[in-house]
Amino acid sequence: MVPDGRENLCPSAVFTGWDADGGYAELAVVPEAFAYRLPDALDDVTAAPLLCAGIVGYRALVRAELPPGGRLGIYGFGASAHVVAQVAVAQGAAVHVVTRSEEARALAVALGAASAGAGGPPERLDSAILFAPVGDLVPVALRALDQGGTLAVAGIHLTDVPRLVYADELFREKQVRSVTANTRADGEEFLRLASALGVRPSVSPRALAEADRVLADLASDRITGAAVLVP
């Protein structure tokens, strides 16, 4: 039984592009209750990353329980992360980005991140979000948390998490939370916030016919921000 408002945890949920074909369809029919009104200030291509990437990223931010004016660590800086960072910065958080990509680090700084590097953050964190699907980073992110901090693991897929050392990585009431898709309420709340805060994704438009090449570019970290397929 799934509590009201948490349809993302429905045991019989079916996701287009994951459980069913159609993720790259040029046209789709959806129930009105699951359709969102896009911000009027953005064209369709710029608004596209606010949907899956932005909404799921926003749920990760909520799950991370970032306090007002808190210190947020973001591990990995792709489509979701660069949108979430804008929300957190606009709300007064100090955002520290950890990523291997030099281009992504430059984008993070341009978007207002307090720091961006390939190593750990320069201060203890209240909250952290792991976007990179790398289980080895779970203990790394936990060690960077201050006492009582929360780590949200945002990916659909994660490689195996190594053995945790309780005293170093979980003691003093640190938390680890997973993120599963999003609810309709998440989408409605996030899109209102994105519009009010002036969130604007950095996009690389590509033709739908180039989908295979775009996926390869994403896997090889050759795209900064979000790639958008245009029919």
C-alpha atoms as a PDB file:
ATOM      1  CA  MET A   1       0.000   0.000   0.000  1.00  0.00           C
ATOM      2  CA  VAL A   2       1.435   3.390  -1.041  1.00  0.00           C
ATOM      3  CA  PRO A   3       0.599   6.467   1.082  1.00  0.00           C
ATOM      4  CA  ASP A   4      -1.335   9.234  -0.657  1.00  0.00           C
ATOM      5  CA  GLY A   5       0.867  11.574  -2.679  1.00  0.00           C
ATOM      6  CA  ARG A   6       3.739   9.090  -3.059  1.00  0.00           C
ATOM      7  CA  GLU A   7       2.819   7.513  -6.365  1.00  0.00           C
ATOM      8  CA  ASN A   8       6.541   7.292  -7.176  1.00  0.00           C
ATOM      9  CA  LEU A   9       6.660   4.311  -4.797  1.00  0.00           C
ATOM     10  CA  CYS A  10       3.798   2.429  -6.438  1.00  0.00           C
ATOM     11  CA  PRO A  11       4.952  -1.219  -6.743  1.00  0.00           C
ATOM     12  CA  SER A  12       3.284  -1.527 -10.160  1.00  0.00           C
ATOM     13  CA  ALA A  13       4.539   1.787 -11.585  1.00  0.00           C
ATOM     14  CA  VAL A  14       5.481   1.780 -15.289  1.00  0.00           C
ATOM     15  CA  PHE A  15       7.910   4.352 -16.697  1.00  0.00           C
ATOM     16  CA  THR A  16       8.120   5.319 -20.360  1.00  0.00           C
ATOM     17  CA  GLY A  17      11.608   4.688 -21.661  1.00  0.00           C
ATOM     18  CA  TRP A  18      12.398   2.322 -18.791  1.00  0.00           C
ATOM     19  CA  ASP A  19       9.576  -0.232 -18.646  1.00  0.00           C
ATOM     20  CA  ALA A  20       7.851   0.691 -21.903  1.00  0.00           C
ATOM     21  CA  ASP A  21       8.992   1.944 -25.306  1.00  0.00           C
ATOM     22  CA  GLY A  22       8.310   5.542 -26.284  1.00  0.00           C
ATOM     23  CA  GLY A  23      10.995   7.552 -24.550  1.00  0.00           C
ATOM     24  CA  TYR A  24      12.123   8.979 -27.884  1.00  0.00           C
ATOM     25  CA  ALA A  25       8.696   9.381 -29.485  1.00  0.00           C
ATOM     26  CA  GLU A  26       8.032  12.690 -31.230  1.00  0.00           C
ATOM     27  CA  LEU A  27       4.467  12.759 -29.874  1.00  0.00           C
ATOM     28  CA  ALA A  28       2.932  11.264 -26.731  1.00  0.00           C
ATOM     29  CA  VAL A  29      -0.459  11.156 -25.039  1.00  0.00           C
ATOM     30  CA  VAL A  30      -0.529  11.469 -21.234  1.00  0.00           C
ATOM     31  CA  PRO A  31      -3.238  11.805 -18.571  1.00  0.00           C
ATOM     32  CA  GLU A  32      -3.881  15.478 -17.826  1.00  0.00           C
ATOM     33  CA  ALA A  33      -3.069  14.902 -14.126  1.00  0.00           C
ATOM     34  CA  PHE A  34       0.495  13.973 -15.105  1.00  0.00           C
ATOM     35  CA  ALA A  35       1.080  16.913 -17.477  1.00  0.00           C
ATOM     36  CA  TYR A  36       2.811  20.102 -16.312  1.00  0.00           C
ATOM     37  CA  ARG A  37       2.481  23.662 -17.523  1.00  0.00           C
ATOM     38  CA  LEU A  38       5.924  24.909 -18.514  1.00  0.00           C
ATOM     39  CA  PRO A  39       7.179  28.359 -17.440  1.00  0.00           C
ATOM     40  CA  ASP A  40       6.022  30.947 -19.974  1.00  0.00           C
ATOM     41  CA  ALA A  41       9.385  32.723 -19.889  1.00  0.00           C
ATOM     42  CA  LEU A  42      11.272  29.750 -21.379  1.00  0.00           C
ATOM     43  CA  ASP A  43      11.153  28.267 -24.872  1.00  0.00           C
ATOM     44  CA  ASP A  44      10.547  24.524 -25.152  1.00  0.00           C
ATOM     45  CA  VAL A  45      14.204  23.574 -25.655  1.00  0.00           C
ATOM     46  CA  THR A  46      15.400  25.548 -22.623  1.00  0.00           C
ATOM     47  CA  ALA A  47      12.512  24.283 -20.488  1.00  0.00           C
ATOM     48  CA  ALA A  48      12.999  20.607 -21.396  1.00  0.00           C
ATOM     49  CA  PRO A  49      15.673  19.835 -18.745  1.00  0.00           C
ATOM     50  CA  LEU A  50      13.365  21.155 -16.026  1.00  0.00           C
ATOM     51  CA  LEU A  51      11.232  18.048 -16.457  1.00  0.00           C
ATOM     52  CA  CYS A  52      12.907  14.688 -15.764  1.00  0.00           C
ATOM     53  CA  ALA A  53      16.331  16.083 -14.858  1.00  0.00           C
ATOM     54  CA  GLY A  54      15.074  19.093 -12.951  1.00  0.00           C
ATOM     55  CA  ILE A  55      12.156  17.523 -11.104  1.00  0.00           C
ATOM     56  CA  VAL A  56      14.015  14.394  -9.983  1.00  0.00           C
ATOM     57  CA  GLY A  57      16.973  16.568  -8.999  1.00  0.00           C
ATOM     58  CA  TYR A  58      14.642  18.747  -6.972  1.00  0.00           C
ATOM     59  CA  ARG A  59      13.274  15.688  -5.153  1.00  0.00           C
ATOM     60  CA  ALA A  60      16.885  14.774  -4.318  1.00  0.00           C
ATOM     61  CA  LEU A  61      17.355  18.271  -2.875  1.00  0.00           C
ATOM     62  CA  VAL A  62      14.239  17.847  -0.733  1.00  0.00           C
ATOM     63  CA  ARG A  63      15.394  14.399   0.413  1.00  0.00           C
ATOM     64  CA  ALA A  64      18.784  15.884   1.375  1.00  0.00           C
ATOM     65  CA  GLU A  65      17.045  18.136   3.931  1.00  0.00           C
ATOM     66  CA  LEU A  66      19.220  21.176   3.242  1.00  0.00           C
ATOM     67  CA  PRO A  67      18.632  23.733   6.024  1.00  0.00           C
ATOM     68  CA  PRO A  68      18.080  27.419   5.145  1.00  0.00           C
ATOM     69  CA  GLY A  69      21.409  28.996   4.245  1.00  0.00           C
ATOM     70  CA  GLY A  70      23.095  25.612   4.586  1.00  0.00           C
ATOM     71  CA  ARG A  71      26.146  24.025   2.987  1.00  0.00           C
ATOM     72  CA  LEU A  72      25.355  21.656   0.112  1.00  0.00           C
ATOM     73  CA  GLY A  73      27.743  19.297  -1.623  1.00  0.00           C
ATOM     74  CA  ILE A  74      26.959  18.104  -5.160  1.00  0.00           C
ATOM     75  CA  TYR A  75      28.887  15.108  -6.511  1.00  0.00           C
ATOM     76  CA  GLY A  76      28.698  14.976 -10.305  1.00  0.00           C
ATOM     77  CA  PHE A  77      27.503  17.959 -12.308  1.00  0.00           C
ATOM     78  CA  GLY A  78      25.299  16.971 -15.235  1.00  0.00           C
ATOM     79  CA  ALA A  79      21.761  17.855 -16.280  1.00  0.00           C
ATOM     80  CA  SER A  80      20.068  17.421 -12.885  1.00  0.00           C
ATOM     81  CA  ALA A  81      22.896  18.828 -10.810  1.00  0.00           C
ATOM     82  CA  HIS A  82      23.331  22.087 -12.699  1.00  0.00           C
ATOM     83  CA  VAL A  83      19.607  22.827 -12.326  1.00  0.00           C
ATOM     84  CA  VAL A  84      19.501  21.912  -8.612  1.00  0.00           C
ATOM     85  CA  ALA A  85      22.568  24.058  -7.953  1.00  0.00           C
ATOM     86  CA  GLN A  86      20.736  27.102  -9.296  1.00  0.00           C
ATOM     87  CA  VAL A  87      17.801  26.482  -6.948  1.00  0.00           C
ATOM     88  CA  ALA A  88      20.056  26.039  -3.923  1.00  0.00           C
ATOM     89  CA  VAL A  89      22.179  29.103  -4.717  1.00  0.00           C
ATOM     90  CA  ALA A  90      19.074  31.257  -5.254  1.00  0.00           C
ATOM     91  CA  GLN A  91      17.776  30.121  -1.852  1.00  0.00           C
ATOM     92  CA  GLY A  92      20.967  31.233  -0.131  1.00  0.00           C
ATOM     93  CA  ALA A  93      22.916  27.980   0.189  1.00  0.00           C
ATOM     94  CA  ALA A  94      26.673  27.642  -0.148  1.00  0.00           C
ATOM     95  CA  VAL A  95      27.049  25.054  -2.920  1.00  0.00           C
ATOM     96  CA  HIS A  96      30.230  23.010  -3.303  1.00  0.00           C
ATOM     97  CA  VAL A  97      30.563  20.968  -6.502  1.00  0.00           C
ATOM     98  CA  VAL A  98      32.810  17.935  -6.934  1.00  0.00           C
ATOM     99  CA  THR A  99      33.327  16.745 -10.513  1.00  0.00           C
ATOM    100  CA  ARG A 100      36.144  15.509 -12.756  1.00  0.00           C
ATOM    101  CA  SER A 101      35.067  17.694 -15.684  1.00  0.00           C
ATOM    102  CA  GLU A 102      36.887  21.003 -16.043  1.00  0.00           C
ATOM    103  CA  GLU A 103      34.034  22.368 -18.200  1.00  0.00           C
ATOM    104  CA  ALA A 104      31.463  21.371 -15.578  1.00  0.00           C
ATOM    105  CA  ARG A 105      33.507  23.038 -12.843  1.00  0.00           C
ATOM    106  CA  ALA A 106      33.577  26.244 -14.853  1.00  0.00           C
ATOM    107  CA  LEU A 107      29.800  26.088 -15.343  1.00  0.00           C
ATOM    108  CA  ALA A 108      29.283  25.493 -11.607  1.00  0.00           C
ATOM    109  CA  VAL A 109      31.270  28.610 -10.725  1.00  0.00           C
ATOM    110  CA  ALA A 110      29.399  30.632 -13.362  1.00  0.00           C
ATOM    111  CA  LEU A 111      26.120  29.530 -11.760  1.00  0.00           C
ATOM    112  CA  GLY A 112      27.206  30.766  -8.348  1.00  0.00           C
ATOM    113  CA  ALA A 113      28.794  27.736  -6.674  1.00  0.00           C
ATOM    114  CA  ALA A 114      30.992  28.634  -3.701  1.00  0.00           C
ATOM    115  CA  SER A 115      33.582  26.115  -4.894  1.00  0.00           C
ATOM    116  CA  ALA A 116      34.087  23.568  -7.656  1.00  0.00           C
ATOM    117  CA  GLY A 117      36.888  21.048  -7.742  1.00  0.00           C
ATOM    118  CA  ALA A 118      37.877  17.459  -8.366  1.00  0.00           C
ATOM    119  CA  GLY A 119      38.607  16.796  -4.681  1.00  0.00           C
ATOM    120  CA  GLY A 120      36.530  17.204  -1.551  1.00  0.00           C
ATOM    121  CA  PRO A 121      34.642  20.346  -0.472  1.00  0.00           C
ATOM    122  CA  PRO A 122      36.551  22.995   1.520  1.00  0.00           C
ATOM    123  CA  GLU A 123      34.189  22.840   4.520  1.00  0.00           C
ATOM    124  CA  ARG A 124      31.877  20.421   6.296  1.00  0.00           C
ATOM    125  CA  LEU A 125      28.484  19.962   4.670  1.00  0.00           C
ATOM    126  CA  ASP A 126      24.953  20.010   6.054  1.00  0.00           C
ATOM    127  CA  SER A 127      23.654  18.044   3.072  1.00  0.00           C
ATOM    128  CA  ALA A 128      24.973  16.329  -0.024  1.00  0.00           C
ATOM    129  CA  ILE A 129      23.538  14.889  -3.224  1.00  0.00           C
ATOM    130  CA  LEU A 130      25.277  12.138  -5.144  1.00  0.00           C
ATOM    131  CA  PHE A 131      24.382  12.405  -8.834  1.00  0.00           C
ATOM    132  CA  ALA A 132      27.374  10.425 -10.127  1.00  0.00           C
ATOM    133  CA  PRO A 133      26.411   6.714 -10.265  1.00  0.00           C
ATOM    134  CA  VAL A 134      29.555   5.728  -8.389  1.00  0.00           C
ATOM    135  CA  GLY A 135      29.103   3.745  -5.187  1.00  0.00           C
ATOM    136  CA  ASP A 136      32.691   4.444  -4.114  1.00  0.00           C
ATOM    137  CA  LEU A 137      31.656   8.066  -3.545  1.00  0.00           C
ATOM    138  CA  VAL A 138      29.089   7.200  -0.860  1.00  0.00           C
ATOM    139  CA  PRO A 139      31.638   6.916   1.996  1.00  0.00           C
ATOM    140  CA  VAL A 140      33.527   9.909   0.575  1.00  0.00           C
ATOM    141  CA  ALA A 141      30.399  12.059   0.698  1.00  0.00           C
ATOM    142  CA  LEU A 142      29.441  10.777   4.153  1.00  0.00           C
ATOM    143  CA  ARG A 143      32.852  11.713   5.555  1.00  0.00           C
ATOM    144  CA  ALA A 144      32.389  15.259   4.236  1.00  0.00           C
ATOM    145  CA  LEU A 145      29.097  15.704   6.122  1.00  0.00           C
ATOM    146  CA  ASP A 146      28.899  17.553   9.398  1.00  0.00           C
ATOM    147  CA  GLN A 147      27.138  15.824  12.303  1.00  0.00           C
ATOM    148  CA  GLY A 148      23.452  15.294  11.612  1.00  0.00           C
ATOM    149  CA  GLY A 149      24.014  15.709   7.866  1.00  0.00           C
ATOM    150  CA  THR A 150      22.103  13.900   5.128  1.00  0.00           C
ATOM    151  CA  LEU A 151      23.300  12.321   1.879  1.00  0.00           C
ATOM    152  CA  ALA A 152      20.727  11.774  -0.888  1.00  0.00           C
ATOM    153  CA  VAL A 153      21.673   9.281  -3.606  1.00  0.00           C
ATOM    154  CA  ALA A 154      19.888  10.516  -6.715  1.00  0.00           C
ATOM    155  CA  GLY A 155      20.673   8.022  -9.457  1.00  0.00           C
ATOM    156  CA  ILE A 156      18.507   5.226 -10.851  1.00  0.00           C
ATOM    157  CA  HIS A 157      21.684   3.125 -11.029  1.00  0.00           C
ATOM    158  CA  LEU A 158      24.606   3.007  -8.583  1.00  0.00           C
ATOM    159  CA  THR A 159      27.648   0.771  -8.579  1.00  0.00           C
ATOM    160  CA  ASP A 160      28.230  -1.250  -5.411  1.00  0.00           C
ATOM    161  CA  VAL A 161      28.846   0.721  -2.237  1.00  0.00           C
ATOM    162  CA  PRO A 162      32.025  -0.350  -0.418  1.00  0.00           C
ATOM    163  CA  ARG A 163      32.107  -1.275   3.266  1.00  0.00           C
ATOM    164  CA  LEU A 164      31.269   1.679   5.507  1.00  0.00           C
ATOM    165  CA  VAL A 165      33.186   2.471   8.673  1.00  0.00           C
ATOM    166  CA  TYR A 166      30.484   3.301  11.174  1.00  0.00           C
ATOM    167  CA  ALA A 167      32.556   5.608  13.386  1.00  0.00           C
ATOM    168  CA  ASP A 168      33.873   7.659  10.468  1.00  0.00           C
ATOM    169  CA  GLU A 169      30.946   7.702   8.073  1.00  0.00           C
ATOM    170  CA  LEU A 170      27.620   7.181   9.871  1.00  0.00           C
ATOM    171  CA  PHE A 171      28.049   7.988  13.550  1.00  0.00           C
ATOM    172  CA  ARG A 172      26.675  11.267  14.967  1.00  0.00           C
ATOM    173  CA  GLU A 173      23.319  10.801  13.275  1.00  0.00           C
ATOM    174  CA  LYS A 174      24.312  11.072   9.646  1.00  0.00           C
ATOM    175  CA  GLN A 175      21.718   9.760   7.168  1.00  0.00           C
ATOM    176  CA  VAL A 176      21.795   8.090   3.753  1.00  0.00           C
ATOM    177  CA  ARG A 177      18.657   8.308   1.607  1.00  0.00           C
ATOM    178  CA  SER A 178      17.788   7.047  -1.845  1.00  0.00           C
ATOM    179  CA  VAL A 179      15.630   8.868  -4.402  1.00  0.00           C
ATOM    180  CA  THR A 180      13.035   7.136  -6.571  1.00  0.00           C
ATOM    181  CA  ALA A 181      11.572   9.159  -9.451  1.00  0.00           C
ATOM    182  CA  ASN A 182       9.264  11.958  -8.285  1.00  0.00           C
ATOM    183  CA  THR A 183       5.680  12.757  -7.389  1.00  0.00           C
ATOM    184  CA  ARG A 184       3.329  15.075  -9.254  1.00  0.00           C
ATOM    185  CA  ALA A 185       3.518  17.447  -6.303  1.00  0.00           C
ATOM    186  CA  ASP A 186       7.318  17.604  -6.684  1.00  0.00           C
ATOM    187  CA  GLY A 187       6.913  18.670 -10.297  1.00  0.00           C
ATOM    188  CA  GLU A 188       4.338  21.341  -9.570  1.00  0.00           C
ATOM    189  CA  GLU A 189       6.354  22.779  -6.685  1.00  0.00           C
ATOM    190  CA  PHE A 190       9.648  22.699  -8.566  1.00  0.00           C
ATOM    191  CA  LEU A 191       8.304  24.375 -11.717  1.00  0.00           C
ATOM    192  CA  ARG A 192       6.796  27.179  -9.611  1.00  0.00           C
ATOM    193  CA  LEU A 193      10.141  27.623  -7.862  1.00  0.00           C
ATOM    194  CA  ALA A 194      12.151  27.451 -11.082  1.00  0.00           C
ATOM    195  CA  SER A 195      10.015  30.203 -12.587  1.00  0.00           C
ATOM    196  CA  ALA A 196      10.151  32.391  -9.471  1.00  0.00           C
ATOM    197  CA  LEU A 197      13.908  31.958  -8.985  1.00  0.00           C
ATOM    198  CA  GLY A 198      14.821  32.438 -12.652  1.00  0.00           C
ATOM    199  CA  VAL A 199      16.370  28.991 -13.098  1.00  0.00           C
ATOM    200  CA  ARG A 200      17.677  28.640 -16.640  1.00  0.00           C
ATOM    201  CA  PRO A 201      19.231  25.363 -17.802  1.00  0.00           C
ATOM    202  CA  SER A 202      22.361  25.365 -19.934  1.00  0.00           C
ATOM    203  CA  VAL A 203      21.357  23.377 -23.013  1.00  0.00           C
ATOM    204  CA  SER A 204      23.016  21.749 -26.027  1.00  0.00           C
ATOM    205  CA  PRO A 205      20.255  21.182 -28.633  1.00  0.00           C
ATOM    206  CA  ARG A 206      20.765  18.150 -30.875  1.00  0.00           C
ATOM    207  CA  ALA A 207      18.638  16.589 -33.597  1.00  0.00           C
ATOM    208  CA  LEU A 208      16.523  13.581 -32.597  1.00  0.00           C
ATOM    209  CA  ALA A 209      18.270  11.550 -35.304  1.00  0.00           C
ATOM    210  CA  GLU A 210      21.528  11.988 -33.357  1.00  0.00           C
ATOM    211  CA  ALA A 211      20.182  10.293 -30.204  1.00  0.00           C
ATOM    212  CA  ASP A 212      22.722   7.444 -30.266  1.00  0.00           C
ATOM    213  CA  ARG A 213      25.623   9.859 -30.621  1.00  0.00           C
ATOM    214  CA  VAL A 214      24.278  12.084 -27.838  1.00  0.00           C
ATOM    215  CA  LEU A 215      24.030   9.125 -25.441  1.00  0.00           C
ATOM    216  CA  ALA A 216      27.648   8.242 -26.220  1.00  0.00           C
ATOM    217  CA  ASP A 217      28.687  11.852 -25.613  1.00  0.00           C
ATOM    218  CA  LEU A 218      26.871  11.857 -22.268  1.00  0.00           C
ATOM    219  CA  ALA A 219      28.553   8.621 -21.220  1.00  0.00           C
ATOM    220  CA  SER A 220      31.942  10.122 -22.079  1.00  0.00           C
ATOM    221  CA  ASP A 221      31.319  13.459 -20.275  1.00  0.00           C
ATOM    222  CA  ARG A 222      31.457  15.379 -23.533  1.00  0.00           C
ATOM    223  CA  ILE A 223      28.311  17.411 -22.780  1.00  0.00           C
ATOM    224  CA  THR A 224      28.192  20.175 -20.182  1.00  0.00           C
ATOM    225  CA  GLY A 225      24.793  21.059 -18.761  1.00  0.00           C
ATOM    226  CA  ALA A 226      21.932  19.242 -20.506  1.00  0.00           C
ATOM    227  CA  ALA A 227      21.566  17.784 -23.983  1.00  0.00           C
ATOM    228  CA  VAL A 228      18.117  18.297 -25.545  1.00  0.00           C
ATOM    229  CA  LEU A 229      16.891  16.216 -28.469  1.00  0.00           C
ATOM    230  CA  VAL A 230      14.803  18.305 -30.857  1.00  0.00           C
ATOM    231  CA  PRO A 231      12.327  16.469 -33.162  1.00  0.00           C
END
